[in-house]
């Protein structure tokens, strides 16, 4: 039996190709507050239901960090996508800037919806199969765990993964910076200049 909701994760560097190839029925975009919506949004907007949230990729309580209300909105939208799947195939596309942190945390929540809270390990394992070296935003996951009364169950597989791959995020950012140094359009799309003094 095929999955009722197919999930794809992308970033601003892939979205122009992702939208026409994946043709999402549902789209979740997460951008920095000062980043304009990507031009790719103009591709067949009537074919999908979309939600755009704006907050920074922070894992602290600093200004413009993820808040509980953001997680509530994400969870409600994910629930609507699964509800729509009763009528036919749903394709959920989630993106942030680099496709590594905010979007992968959101995809993890979508997989939790599929597998259930008791199977967080299975949801995280599936996340690793549909994404490339993700680094889910821990604050988003912690807020979801709080919202869903998870008692730490959502955080456990994430923390095990992070402990096993402590340098993954920095390496991912360096890769994007190197690509951005060679391609000005790529750098502008991702905003890699902001990452020079990266702090969570």
C-alpha atoms as a PDB file:
ATOM      1  CA  UNK A   1       0.000   0.000   0.000  1.00  0.00           C
ATOM      2  CA  UNK A   2       1.401   3.389  -0.970  1.00  0.00           C
ATOM      3  CA  UNK A   3       1.814   6.150   1.580  1.00  0.00           C
ATOM      4  CA  UNK A   4      -1.253   8.417   1.666  1.00  0.00           C
ATOM      5  CA  UNK A   5       0.973  11.489   1.880  1.00  0.00           C
ATOM      6  CA  UNK A   6       4.179  11.652  -0.127  1.00  0.00           C
ATOM      7  CA  UNK A   7       6.686  14.044   1.435  1.00  0.00           C
ATOM      8  CA  UNK A   8       9.530  15.922  -0.180  1.00  0.00           C
ATOM      9  CA  UNK A   9      11.909  18.390   1.475  1.00  0.00           C
ATOM     10  CA  UNK A  10      13.730  21.159  -0.375  1.00  0.00           C
ATOM     11  CA  UNK A  11      15.423  24.510  -0.076  1.00  0.00           C
ATOM     12  CA  UNK A  12      15.532  27.769  -1.960  1.00  0.00           C
ATOM     13  CA  UNK A  13      18.266  26.310  -4.170  1.00  0.00           C
ATOM     14  CA  UNK A  14      16.017  23.438  -5.320  1.00  0.00           C
ATOM     15  CA  UNK A  15      12.496  24.834  -5.226  1.00  0.00           C
ATOM     16  CA  UNK A  16      12.403  26.050  -8.839  1.00  0.00           C
ATOM     17  CA  UNK A  17      12.882  22.439  -9.956  1.00  0.00           C
ATOM     18  CA  UNK A  18      10.980  20.797  -7.111  1.00  0.00           C
ATOM     19  CA  UNK A  19       7.615  22.471  -7.642  1.00  0.00           C
ATOM     20  CA  UNK A  20       7.127  21.538 -11.312  1.00  0.00           C
ATOM     21  CA  UNK A  21       8.550  18.026 -10.843  1.00  0.00           C
ATOM     22  CA  UNK A  22       6.810  17.099  -7.575  1.00  0.00           C
ATOM     23  CA  UNK A  23       3.612  19.122  -8.197  1.00  0.00           C
ATOM     24  CA  UNK A  24       2.661  19.364  -4.527  1.00  0.00           C
ATOM     25  CA  UNK A  25      -0.943  19.414  -3.453  1.00  0.00           C
ATOM     26  CA  UNK A  26       0.184  20.957  -0.152  1.00  0.00           C
ATOM     27  CA  UNK A  27       3.142  23.251   0.481  1.00  0.00           C
ATOM     28  CA  UNK A  28       4.714  24.475   3.699  1.00  0.00           C
ATOM     29  CA  UNK A  29       7.293  27.232   3.347  1.00  0.00           C
ATOM     30  CA  UNK A  30       9.420  28.507   6.226  1.00  0.00           C
ATOM     31  CA  UNK A  31      11.469  31.628   5.582  1.00  0.00           C
ATOM     32  CA  UNK A  32      13.398  34.221   7.517  1.00  0.00           C
ATOM     33  CA  UNK A  33      11.214  37.253   8.307  1.00  0.00           C
ATOM     34  CA  UNK A  34      13.020  39.481   5.790  1.00  0.00           C
ATOM     35  CA  UNK A  35      13.263  37.001   2.916  1.00  0.00           C
ATOM     36  CA  UNK A  36      10.845  37.488   0.011  1.00  0.00           C
ATOM     37  CA  UNK A  37       8.763  34.574  -1.171  1.00  0.00           C
ATOM     38  CA  UNK A  38      10.583  32.708  -3.953  1.00  0.00           C
ATOM     39  CA  UNK A  39       9.539  33.364  -7.546  1.00  0.00           C
ATOM     40  CA  UNK A  40       8.919  29.612  -7.874  1.00  0.00           C
ATOM     41  CA  UNK A  41       5.703  30.106  -5.909  1.00  0.00           C
ATOM     42  CA  UNK A  42       4.232  31.492  -9.133  1.00  0.00           C
ATOM     43  CA  UNK A  43       4.312  28.007 -10.672  1.00  0.00           C
ATOM     44  CA  UNK A  44       0.758  26.596 -10.688  1.00  0.00           C
ATOM     45  CA  UNK A  45      -0.306  28.097  -7.337  1.00  0.00           C
ATOM     46  CA  UNK A  46      -3.918  27.037  -7.887  1.00  0.00           C
ATOM     47  CA  UNK A  47      -2.908  23.363  -7.814  1.00  0.00           C
ATOM     48  CA  UNK A  48      -1.985  23.393  -4.139  1.00  0.00           C
ATOM     49  CA  UNK A  49      -2.880  24.562  -0.658  1.00  0.00           C
ATOM     50  CA  UNK A  50      -0.029  26.596   0.796  1.00  0.00           C
ATOM     51  CA  UNK A  51       1.138  27.954   4.116  1.00  0.00           C
ATOM     52  CA  UNK A  52       4.093  30.292   4.602  1.00  0.00           C
ATOM     53  CA  UNK A  53       5.563  30.857   8.058  1.00  0.00           C
ATOM     54  CA  UNK A  54       8.359  33.243   8.964  1.00  0.00           C
ATOM     55  CA  UNK A  55      10.841  32.708  11.775  1.00  0.00           C
ATOM     56  CA  UNK A  56      14.570  32.272  12.104  1.00  0.00           C
ATOM     57  CA  UNK A  57      16.444  28.993  12.308  1.00  0.00           C
ATOM     58  CA  UNK A  58      17.203  29.365  16.008  1.00  0.00           C
ATOM     59  CA  UNK A  59      17.218  26.835  18.794  1.00  0.00           C
ATOM     60  CA  UNK A  60      16.955  29.402  21.568  1.00  0.00           C
ATOM     61  CA  UNK A  61      14.158  31.629  22.832  1.00  0.00           C
ATOM     62  CA  UNK A  62      15.668  34.701  21.188  1.00  0.00           C
ATOM     63  CA  UNK A  63      13.514  37.057  19.159  1.00  0.00           C
ATOM     64  CA  UNK A  64      12.064  35.563  15.954  1.00  0.00           C
ATOM     65  CA  UNK A  65      12.863  32.022  17.034  1.00  0.00           C
ATOM     66  CA  UNK A  66      10.289  29.240  16.528  1.00  0.00           C
ATOM     67  CA  UNK A  67       7.305  29.603  18.853  1.00  0.00           C
ATOM     68  CA  UNK A  68       4.583  27.241  20.033  1.00  0.00           C
ATOM     69  CA  UNK A  69       2.057  28.969  17.790  1.00  0.00           C
ATOM     70  CA  UNK A  70       4.184  28.076  14.770  1.00  0.00           C
ATOM     71  CA  UNK A  71       4.149  24.412  15.734  1.00  0.00           C
ATOM     72  CA  UNK A  72       0.397  24.549  16.291  1.00  0.00           C
ATOM     73  CA  UNK A  73      -0.045  25.962  12.789  1.00  0.00           C
ATOM     74  CA  UNK A  74       2.250  23.331  11.299  1.00  0.00           C
ATOM     75  CA  UNK A  75       0.495  20.472  13.065  1.00  0.00           C
ATOM     76  CA  UNK A  76      -2.928  21.716  11.979  1.00  0.00           C
ATOM     77  CA  UNK A  77      -1.811  22.055   8.359  1.00  0.00           C
ATOM     78  CA  UNK A  78      -0.238  18.582   8.391  1.00  0.00           C
ATOM     79  CA  UNK A  79      -3.502  17.214   9.784  1.00  0.00           C
ATOM     80  CA  UNK A  80      -5.405  18.868   6.936  1.00  0.00           C
ATOM     81  CA  UNK A  81      -3.045  17.247   4.436  1.00  0.00           C
ATOM     82  CA  UNK A  82      -3.667  13.808   5.912  1.00  0.00           C
ATOM     83  CA  UNK A  83      -7.378  14.524   5.936  1.00  0.00           C
ATOM     84  CA  UNK A  84      -7.247  15.365   2.233  1.00  0.00           C
ATOM     85  CA  UNK A  85      -5.470  12.061   1.618  1.00  0.00           C
ATOM     86  CA  UNK A  86      -8.767  10.276   2.281  1.00  0.00           C
ATOM     87  CA  UNK A  87      -9.915  11.637  -1.076  1.00  0.00           C
ATOM     88  CA  UNK A  88      -6.759  10.897  -3.068  1.00  0.00           C
ATOM     89  CA  UNK A  89      -2.979  11.095  -3.204  1.00  0.00           C
ATOM     90  CA  UNK A  90      -1.461  14.046  -1.329  1.00  0.00           C
ATOM     91  CA  UNK A  91       2.013  15.372  -2.106  1.00  0.00           C
ATOM     92  CA  UNK A  92       3.409  17.509   0.711  1.00  0.00           C
ATOM     93  CA  UNK A  93       6.393  19.711  -0.088  1.00  0.00           C
ATOM     94  CA  UNK A  94       8.240  21.391   2.782  1.00  0.00           C
ATOM     95  CA  UNK A  95      10.998  23.920   2.323  1.00  0.00           C
ATOM     96  CA  UNK A  96      13.038  26.399   4.309  1.00  0.00           C
ATOM     97  CA  UNK A  97      16.257  28.073   3.149  1.00  0.00           C
ATOM     98  CA  UNK A  98      18.792  25.245   2.951  1.00  0.00           C
ATOM     99  CA  UNK A  99      16.384  22.324   3.343  1.00  0.00           C
ATOM    100  CA  UNK A 100      18.307  21.102   6.378  1.00  0.00           C
ATOM    101  CA  UNK A 101      16.807  22.312   9.647  1.00  0.00           C
ATOM    102  CA  UNK A 102      13.385  23.974   9.841  1.00  0.00           C
ATOM    103  CA  UNK A 103      11.991  21.999   6.922  1.00  0.00           C
ATOM    104  CA  UNK A 104      13.344  18.643   8.107  1.00  0.00           C
ATOM    105  CA  UNK A 105      11.912  19.228  11.584  1.00  0.00           C
ATOM    106  CA  UNK A 106       8.565  19.881   9.916  1.00  0.00           C
ATOM    107  CA  UNK A 107       8.874  16.771   7.768  1.00  0.00           C
ATOM    108  CA  UNK A 108       9.601  14.809  10.953  1.00  0.00           C
ATOM    109  CA  UNK A 109       6.312  16.090  12.391  1.00  0.00           C
ATOM    110  CA  UNK A 110       4.502  14.956   9.256  1.00  0.00           C
ATOM    111  CA  UNK A 111       6.031  11.506   9.688  1.00  0.00           C
ATOM    112  CA  UNK A 112       5.035  11.482  13.353  1.00  0.00           C
ATOM    113  CA  UNK A 113       1.485  12.087  12.171  1.00  0.00           C
ATOM    114  CA  UNK A 114       1.826   8.992   9.969  1.00  0.00           C
ATOM    115  CA  UNK A 115       3.590   6.669  12.418  1.00  0.00           C
ATOM    116  CA  UNK A 116       2.196   7.904  15.730  1.00  0.00           C
ATOM    117  CA  UNK A 117       3.949   9.176  18.839  1.00  0.00           C
ATOM    118  CA  UNK A 118       4.821   5.690  20.036  1.00  0.00           C
ATOM    119  CA  UNK A 119       6.807   5.066  16.846  1.00  0.00           C
ATOM    120  CA  UNK A 120       9.004   8.178  16.858  1.00  0.00           C
ATOM    121  CA  UNK A 121      12.068   6.042  16.092  1.00  0.00           C
ATOM    122  CA  UNK A 122      10.420   4.709  12.924  1.00  0.00           C
ATOM    123  CA  UNK A 123       9.375   8.230  11.911  1.00  0.00           C
ATOM    124  CA  UNK A 124      12.922   9.503  12.329  1.00  0.00           C
ATOM    125  CA  UNK A 125      14.347   6.578  10.396  1.00  0.00           C
ATOM    126  CA  UNK A 126      12.009   7.397   7.524  1.00  0.00           C
ATOM    127  CA  UNK A 127      13.112  11.039   7.708  1.00  0.00           C
ATOM    128  CA  UNK A 128      16.695   9.914   7.127  1.00  0.00           C
ATOM    129  CA  UNK A 129      15.557   8.070   3.991  1.00  0.00           C
ATOM    130  CA  UNK A 130      13.697  10.982   2.399  1.00  0.00           C
ATOM    131  CA  UNK A 131      16.225  13.715   3.241  1.00  0.00           C
ATOM    132  CA  UNK A 132      19.950  14.216   2.727  1.00  0.00           C
ATOM    133  CA  UNK A 133      21.870  14.572   5.997  1.00  0.00           C
ATOM    134  CA  UNK A 134      19.162  16.524   7.833  1.00  0.00           C
ATOM    135  CA  UNK A 135      19.663  18.570  10.972  1.00  0.00           C
ATOM    136  CA  UNK A 136      16.131  19.100  12.322  1.00  0.00           C
ATOM    137  CA  UNK A 137      15.679  22.253  14.378  1.00  0.00           C
ATOM    138  CA  UNK A 138      15.627  20.964  17.944  1.00  0.00           C
ATOM    139  CA  UNK A 139      13.488  23.794  19.302  1.00  0.00           C
ATOM    140  CA  UNK A 140      10.749  23.022  16.782  1.00  0.00           C
ATOM    141  CA  UNK A 141      10.834  19.364  17.765  1.00  0.00           C
ATOM    142  CA  UNK A 142      10.869  20.217  21.487  1.00  0.00           C
ATOM    143  CA  UNK A 143       7.849  22.485  21.072  1.00  0.00           C
ATOM    144  CA  UNK A 144       6.043  19.739  19.168  1.00  0.00           C
ATOM    145  CA  UNK A 145       6.900  17.276  21.912  1.00  0.00           C
ATOM    146  CA  UNK A 146       5.392  19.708  24.398  1.00  0.00           C
ATOM    147  CA  UNK A 147       2.282  20.280  22.285  1.00  0.00           C
ATOM    148  CA  UNK A 148       1.684  16.557  21.818  1.00  0.00           C
ATOM    149  CA  UNK A 149       2.567  15.537  25.402  1.00  0.00           C
ATOM    150  CA  UNK A 150       5.421  13.448  24.111  1.00  0.00           C
ATOM    151  CA  UNK A 151       7.450  13.440  27.350  1.00  0.00           C
ATOM    152  CA  UNK A 152      10.651  13.569  25.331  1.00  0.00           C
ATOM    153  CA  UNK A 153       9.776  10.787  22.887  1.00  0.00           C
ATOM    154  CA  UNK A 154      10.154  13.026  19.835  1.00  0.00           C
ATOM    155  CA  UNK A 155      13.513  14.321  21.015  1.00  0.00           C
ATOM    156  CA  UNK A 156      15.117  10.969  21.803  1.00  0.00           C
ATOM    157  CA  UNK A 157      15.904   9.793  18.237  1.00  0.00           C
ATOM    158  CA  UNK A 158      16.934  13.319  17.251  1.00  0.00           C
ATOM    159  CA  UNK A 159      19.391  13.609  20.129  1.00  0.00           C
ATOM    160  CA  UNK A 160      20.858  10.175  19.419  1.00  0.00           C
ATOM    161  CA  UNK A 161      21.347  11.215  15.793  1.00  0.00           C
ATOM    162  CA  UNK A 162      22.970  14.517  16.738  1.00  0.00           C
ATOM    163  CA  UNK A 163      25.327  12.868  19.201  1.00  0.00           C
ATOM    164  CA  UNK A 164      26.418  10.479  16.446  1.00  0.00           C
ATOM    165  CA  UNK A 165      26.935  13.295  13.914  1.00  0.00           C
ATOM    166  CA  UNK A 166      28.177  16.314  15.896  1.00  0.00           C
ATOM    167  CA  UNK A 167      29.789  18.123  12.932  1.00  0.00           C
ATOM    168  CA  UNK A 168      27.098  17.545  10.329  1.00  0.00           C
ATOM    169  CA  UNK A 169      25.448  20.975  10.425  1.00  0.00           C
ATOM    170  CA  UNK A 170      28.692  22.934  10.194  1.00  0.00           C
ATOM    171  CA  UNK A 171      29.822  20.755   7.298  1.00  0.00           C
ATOM    172  CA  UNK A 172      26.488  21.293   5.543  1.00  0.00           C
ATOM    173  CA  UNK A 173      26.766  25.064   5.933  1.00  0.00           C
ATOM    174  CA  UNK A 174      30.347  25.062   4.640  1.00  0.00           C
ATOM    175  CA  UNK A 175      29.203  23.126   1.574  1.00  0.00           C
ATOM    176  CA  UNK A 176      26.544  25.728   0.801  1.00  0.00           C
ATOM    177  CA  UNK A 177      29.026  28.545   1.378  1.00  0.00           C
ATOM    178  CA  UNK A 178      31.520  27.005  -1.044  1.00  0.00           C
ATOM    179  CA  UNK A 179      28.824  26.615  -3.675  1.00  0.00           C
ATOM    180  CA  UNK A 180      27.645  30.158  -3.030  1.00  0.00           C
ATOM    181  CA  UNK A 181      31.158  31.499  -3.511  1.00  0.00           C
ATOM    182  CA  UNK A 182      31.146  30.044  -7.017  1.00  0.00           C
ATOM    183  CA  UNK A 183      27.548  30.912  -7.920  1.00  0.00           C
ATOM    184  CA  UNK A 184      26.212  34.345  -6.960  1.00  0.00           C
ATOM    185  CA  UNK A 185      22.597  33.398  -7.729  1.00  0.00           C
ATOM    186  CA  UNK A 186      22.893  30.352  -5.476  1.00  0.00           C
ATOM    187  CA  UNK A 187      24.348  32.476  -2.677  1.00  0.00           C
ATOM    188  CA  UNK A 188      21.612  35.069  -3.034  1.00  0.00           C
ATOM    189  CA  UNK A 189      18.846  32.459  -3.006  1.00  0.00           C
ATOM    190  CA  UNK A 190      20.106  30.862   0.195  1.00  0.00           C
ATOM    191  CA  UNK A 191      21.444  33.993   1.853  1.00  0.00           C
ATOM    192  CA  UNK A 192      24.754  32.302   2.627  1.00  0.00           C
ATOM    193  CA  UNK A 193      26.351  35.620   3.581  1.00  0.00           C
ATOM    194  CA  UNK A 194      24.289  35.495   6.773  1.00  0.00           C
ATOM    195  CA  UNK A 195      26.007  32.281   7.830  1.00  0.00           C
ATOM    196  CA  UNK A 196      29.510  33.700   8.257  1.00  0.00           C
ATOM    197  CA  UNK A 197      28.920  34.169  11.988  1.00  0.00           C
ATOM    198  CA  UNK A 198      26.389  31.400  12.366  1.00  0.00           C
ATOM    199  CA  UNK A 199      24.843  31.049  15.823  1.00  0.00           C
ATOM    200  CA  UNK A 200      21.919  28.951  16.946  1.00  0.00           C
END
